[in-house]
Amino acid sequence: MSWVKIWVHLVFSTKYKKPFLNSLELRKKVFFHIHENAREKGIWLDSVNGHKEHLHCLVSLGREQTISKIAQLIKGESSFWINKNNLISQKFSWQDDYWAVSVSESHAVAVRKYIDNQESHHRTKSFNEEVDEFMQKYGWSYISENNK
């Protein structure tokens, strides 16, 4: 039997970073659904949380799972579910891009805490500031119209 424990911090935003998830009640409903759907699909989603225009996931990859497949399953099903249930007045979709970084076992608790505290975190820091910090911290230089 193979044993795999690869932690990944996965972040993605709504299309054009629109604040579709603008109420705490809506976010809780969406994040709960994402967590339940991930469990049904065999995705070990340890933590999920976010704010008006993005979400963070702490995922432990299974031995046959890839980051892109996990992101596709979470994003595709959740946007379908949000639209099917008319949870917002406009057509909802996630941005195609995502950010993913590996997390060591020794840092998983800190990442989990960071994800769980998104509400208070974003009282003082915008998502754009957060993205800029991620870009700098991890040495990414990707620039697009959607990230301005």
C-alpha atoms as a PDB file:
ATOM      1  CA  MET A   1       0.000   0.000   0.000  1.00  0.00           C
ATOM      2  CA  SER A   2       1.272   3.474  -0.872  1.00  0.00           C
ATOM      3  CA  TRP A   3       1.284   6.218   1.740  1.00  0.00           C
ATOM      4  CA  VAL A   4       1.257   9.825   0.549  1.00  0.00           C
ATOM      5  CA  LYS A   5       0.888  13.057   2.491  1.00  0.00           C
ATOM      6  CA  ILE A   6       1.567  16.103   0.368  1.00  0.00           C
ATOM      7  CA  TRP A   7       0.019  19.278   1.708  1.00  0.00           C
ATOM      8  CA  VAL A   8      -0.917  22.006  -0.793  1.00  0.00           C
ATOM      9  CA  HIS A   9      -2.169  25.522  -0.096  1.00  0.00           C
ATOM     10  CA  LEU A  10      -4.491  26.267  -3.016  1.00  0.00           C
ATOM     11  CA  VAL A  11      -5.915  29.751  -3.653  1.00  0.00           C
ATOM     12  CA  PHE A  12      -8.235  30.926  -6.389  1.00  0.00           C
ATOM     13  CA  SER A  13     -10.442  33.917  -7.045  1.00  0.00           C
ATOM     14  CA  THR A  14     -13.767  34.670  -8.599  1.00  0.00           C
ATOM     15  CA  LYS A  15     -13.805  35.679 -12.255  1.00  0.00           C
ATOM     16  CA  TYR A  16     -12.257  39.155 -12.555  1.00  0.00           C
ATOM     17  CA  LYS A  17     -12.017  39.194  -8.734  1.00  0.00           C
ATOM     18  CA  LYS A  18     -15.645  40.275  -8.498  1.00  0.00           C
ATOM     19  CA  PRO A  19     -16.915  40.224  -4.893  1.00  0.00           C
ATOM     20  CA  PHE A  20     -19.623  37.638  -5.622  1.00  0.00           C
ATOM     21  CA  LEU A  21     -19.295  36.051  -2.175  1.00  0.00           C
ATOM     22  CA  ASN A  22     -20.237  39.286  -0.449  1.00  0.00           C
ATOM     23  CA  SER A  23     -22.008  37.987   2.648  1.00  0.00           C
ATOM     24  CA  LEU A  24     -20.668  35.838   5.450  1.00  0.00           C
ATOM     25  CA  GLU A  25     -23.795  33.664   5.284  1.00  0.00           C
ATOM     26  CA  LEU A  26     -23.268  32.985   1.566  1.00  0.00           C
ATOM     27  CA  ARG A  27     -19.573  32.230   2.081  1.00  0.00           C
ATOM     28  CA  LYS A  28     -20.328  29.774   4.868  1.00  0.00           C
ATOM     29  CA  LYS A  29     -22.900  27.996   2.688  1.00  0.00           C
ATOM     30  CA  VAL A  30     -20.531  27.790  -0.295  1.00  0.00           C
ATOM     31  CA  PHE A  31     -17.519  26.682   1.758  1.00  0.00           C
ATOM     32  CA  PHE A  32     -19.571  24.025   3.556  1.00  0.00           C
ATOM     33  CA  HIS A  33     -20.774  22.716   0.193  1.00  0.00           C
ATOM     34  CA  ILE A  34     -17.226  22.688  -1.200  1.00  0.00           C
ATOM     35  CA  HIS A  35     -16.028  20.732   1.823  1.00  0.00           C
ATOM     36  CA  GLU A  36     -18.845  18.158   1.534  1.00  0.00           C
ATOM     37  CA  ASN A  37     -18.405  17.786  -2.224  1.00  0.00           C
ATOM     38  CA  ALA A  38     -14.654  17.300  -1.822  1.00  0.00           C
ATOM     39  CA  ARG A  39     -15.271  14.543   0.725  1.00  0.00           C
ATOM     40  CA  GLU A  40     -17.667  12.813  -1.690  1.00  0.00           C
ATOM     41  CA  LYS A  41     -15.016  12.962  -4.432  1.00  0.00           C
ATOM     42  CA  GLY A  42     -12.261  11.543  -2.236  1.00  0.00           C
ATOM     43  CA  ILE A  43     -10.430  14.857  -1.876  1.00  0.00           C
ATOM     44  CA  TRP A  44      -8.870  15.407   1.552  1.00  0.00           C
ATOM     45  CA  LEU A  45      -9.837  19.058   2.028  1.00  0.00           C
ATOM     46  CA  ASP A  46      -8.525  19.912   5.459  1.00  0.00           C
ATOM     47  CA  SER A  47      -9.565  23.592   5.479  1.00  0.00           C
ATOM     48  CA  VAL A  48     -11.529  25.887   3.216  1.00  0.00           C
ATOM     49  CA  ASN A  49     -12.297  29.550   3.771  1.00  0.00           C
ATOM     50  CA  GLY A  50     -11.982  32.846   1.996  1.00  0.00           C
ATOM     51  CA  HIS A  51     -13.521  36.214   1.479  1.00  0.00           C
ATOM     52  CA  LYS A  52     -15.653  38.150  -1.008  1.00  0.00           C
ATOM     53  CA  GLU A  53     -13.613  37.328  -4.108  1.00  0.00           C
ATOM     54  CA  HIS A  54     -11.411  34.347  -3.305  1.00  0.00           C
ATOM     55  CA  LEU A  55     -10.907  31.201  -1.330  1.00  0.00           C
ATOM     56  CA  HIS A  56      -8.098  29.232   0.259  1.00  0.00           C
ATOM     57  CA  CYS A  57      -7.908  25.461   0.596  1.00  0.00           C
ATOM     58  CA  LEU A  58      -5.484  23.277   2.482  1.00  0.00           C
ATOM     59  CA  VAL A  59      -5.502  19.963   0.646  1.00  0.00           C
ATOM     60  CA  SER A  60      -3.617  16.734   1.191  1.00  0.00           C
ATOM     61  CA  LEU A  61      -3.118  15.122  -2.199  1.00  0.00           C
ATOM     62  CA  GLY A  62      -3.924  11.454  -2.622  1.00  0.00           C
ATOM     63  CA  ARG A  63      -1.518   9.176  -4.436  1.00  0.00           C
ATOM     64  CA  GLU A  64      -3.304   9.527  -7.783  1.00  0.00           C
ATOM     65  CA  GLN A  65      -4.422  13.142  -7.467  1.00  0.00           C
ATOM     66  CA  THR A  66      -2.911  16.204  -9.105  1.00  0.00           C
ATOM     67  CA  ILE A  67      -3.238  19.824  -8.104  1.00  0.00           C
ATOM     68  CA  SER A  68      -4.873  20.707 -11.423  1.00  0.00           C
ATOM     69  CA  LYS A  69      -7.460  17.932 -11.110  1.00  0.00           C
ATOM     70  CA  ILE A  70      -8.305  18.900  -7.523  1.00  0.00           C
ATOM     71  CA  ALA A  71      -8.662  22.576  -8.526  1.00  0.00           C
ATOM     72  CA  GLN A  72     -10.814  21.612 -11.519  1.00  0.00           C
ATOM     73  CA  LEU A  73     -13.126  19.419  -9.420  1.00  0.00           C
ATOM     74  CA  ILE A  74     -13.555  21.994  -6.659  1.00  0.00           C
ATOM     75  CA  LYS A  75     -13.974  25.001  -8.924  1.00  0.00           C
ATOM     76  CA  GLY A  76     -16.139  23.365 -11.586  1.00  0.00           C
ATOM     77  CA  GLU A  77     -18.620  21.684  -9.292  1.00  0.00           C
ATOM     78  CA  SER A  78     -18.939  24.637  -6.908  1.00  0.00           C
ATOM     79  CA  SER A  79     -19.619  27.172  -9.674  1.00  0.00           C
ATOM     80  CA  PHE A  80     -22.198  24.790 -11.178  1.00  0.00           C
ATOM     81  CA  TRP A  81     -23.836  24.386  -7.740  1.00  0.00           C
ATOM     82  CA  ILE A  82     -23.864  28.152  -7.032  1.00  0.00           C
ATOM     83  CA  ASN A  83     -25.508  28.859 -10.409  1.00  0.00           C
ATOM     84  CA  LYS A  84     -27.949  25.921 -10.193  1.00  0.00           C
ATOM     85  CA  ASN A  85     -29.145  27.127  -6.792  1.00  0.00           C
ATOM     86  CA  ASN A  86     -29.282  30.806  -7.835  1.00  0.00           C
ATOM     87  CA  LEU A  87     -27.203  31.839  -4.840  1.00  0.00           C
ATOM     88  CA  ILE A  88     -26.214  35.100  -6.522  1.00  0.00           C
ATOM     89  CA  SER A  89     -28.044  37.270  -9.040  1.00  0.00           C
ATOM     90  CA  GLN A  90     -25.343  37.043 -11.755  1.00  0.00           C
ATOM     91  CA  LYS A  91     -23.689  34.090 -13.444  1.00  0.00           C
ATOM     92  CA  PHE A  92     -20.950  32.882 -11.123  1.00  0.00           C
ATOM     93  CA  SER A  93     -17.572  31.525 -12.149  1.00  0.00           C
ATOM     94  CA  TRP A  94     -14.097  31.164 -10.753  1.00  0.00           C
ATOM     95  CA  GLN A  95     -11.083  32.628 -12.521  1.00  0.00           C
ATOM     96  CA  ASP A  96      -9.159  30.056 -14.577  1.00  0.00           C
ATOM     97  CA  ASP A  97      -5.915  30.690 -12.703  1.00  0.00           C
ATOM     98  CA  TYR A  98      -5.017  29.462  -9.253  1.00  0.00           C
ATOM     99  CA  TRP A  99      -2.038  29.601  -6.921  1.00  0.00           C
ATOM    100  CA  ALA A 100      -0.674  26.511  -5.248  1.00  0.00           C
ATOM    101  CA  VAL A 101       2.302  26.013  -2.972  1.00  0.00           C
ATOM    102  CA  SER A 102       3.518  23.000  -1.042  1.00  0.00           C
ATOM    103  CA  VAL A 103       3.252  23.085   2.726  1.00  0.00           C
ATOM    104  CA  SER A 104       5.506  21.096   5.012  1.00  0.00           C
ATOM    105  CA  GLU A 105       3.918  18.989   7.728  1.00  0.00           C
ATOM    106  CA  SER A 106       5.446  21.310  10.324  1.00  0.00           C
ATOM    107  CA  HIS A 107       3.688  24.343   8.781  1.00  0.00           C
ATOM    108  CA  ALA A 108       0.266  22.775   8.157  1.00  0.00           C
ATOM    109  CA  VAL A 109      -1.111  24.027  11.488  1.00  0.00           C
ATOM    110  CA  ALA A 110      -0.058  27.622  10.730  1.00  0.00           C
ATOM    111  CA  VAL A 111      -1.581  27.480   7.223  1.00  0.00           C
ATOM    112  CA  ARG A 112      -4.794  26.010   8.647  1.00  0.00           C
ATOM    113  CA  LYS A 113      -4.977  28.874  11.164  1.00  0.00           C
ATOM    114  CA  TYR A 114      -4.303  31.430   8.417  1.00  0.00           C
ATOM    115  CA  ILE A 115      -7.109  29.957   6.290  1.00  0.00           C
ATOM    116  CA  ASP A 116      -9.530  29.788   9.206  1.00  0.00           C
ATOM    117  CA  ASN A 117      -8.922  33.484  10.049  1.00  0.00           C
ATOM    118  CA  GLN A 118      -9.725  34.969   6.644  1.00  0.00           C
ATOM    119  CA  GLU A 119     -12.538  37.208   7.934  1.00  0.00           C
ATOM    120  CA  SER A 120     -10.312  39.046  10.408  1.00  0.00           C
ATOM    121  CA  HIS A 121      -7.315  38.955   8.054  1.00  0.00           C
ATOM    122  CA  HIS A 122      -9.222  40.818   5.335  1.00  0.00           C
ATOM    123  CA  ARG A 123     -10.384  43.564   7.658  1.00  0.00           C
ATOM    124  CA  THR A 124      -6.884  45.007   7.350  1.00  0.00           C
ATOM    125  CA  LYS A 125      -5.550  43.627   4.069  1.00  0.00           C
ATOM    126  CA  SER A 126      -7.155  43.475   0.629  1.00  0.00           C
ATOM    127  CA  PHE A 127      -6.997  40.420  -1.581  1.00  0.00           C
ATOM    128  CA  ASN A 128      -4.827  42.358  -4.045  1.00  0.00           C
ATOM    129  CA  GLU A 129      -2.336  43.080  -1.250  1.00  0.00           C
ATOM    130  CA  GLU A 130      -2.433  39.401  -0.315  1.00  0.00           C
ATOM    131  CA  VAL A 131      -1.765  38.392  -3.925  1.00  0.00           C
ATOM    132  CA  ASP A 132       1.168  40.813  -4.119  1.00  0.00           C
ATOM    133  CA  GLU A 133       2.621  39.273  -0.940  1.00  0.00           C
ATOM    134  CA  PHE A 134       2.207  35.737  -2.338  1.00  0.00           C
ATOM    135  CA  MET A 135       3.845  36.783  -5.587  1.00  0.00           C
ATOM    136  CA  GLN A 136       6.810  38.281  -3.771  1.00  0.00           C
ATOM    137  CA  LYS A 137       7.140  35.532  -1.152  1.00  0.00           C
ATOM    138  CA  TYR A 138       7.150  32.709  -3.708  1.00  0.00           C
ATOM    139  CA  GLY A 139       9.091  34.493  -6.455  1.00  0.00           C
ATOM    140  CA  TRP A 140       6.293  34.595  -9.007  1.00  0.00           C
ATOM    141  CA  SER A 141       6.319  37.274 -11.689  1.00  0.00           C
ATOM    142  CA  TYR A 142       3.078  36.521 -13.516  1.00  0.00           C
ATOM    143  CA  ILE A 143       1.217  39.711 -14.456  1.00  0.00           C
ATOM    144  CA  SER A 144      -2.148  39.883 -16.165  1.00  0.00           C
ATOM    145  CA  GLU A 145      -4.941  42.389 -16.592  1.00  0.00           C
ATOM    146  CA  ASN A 146      -6.969  40.451 -14.007  1.00  0.00           C
ATOM    147  CA  ASN A 147      -4.299  40.816 -11.328  1.00  0.00           C
ATOM    148  CA  LYS A 148      -3.938  44.595 -11.507  1.00  0.00           C
END
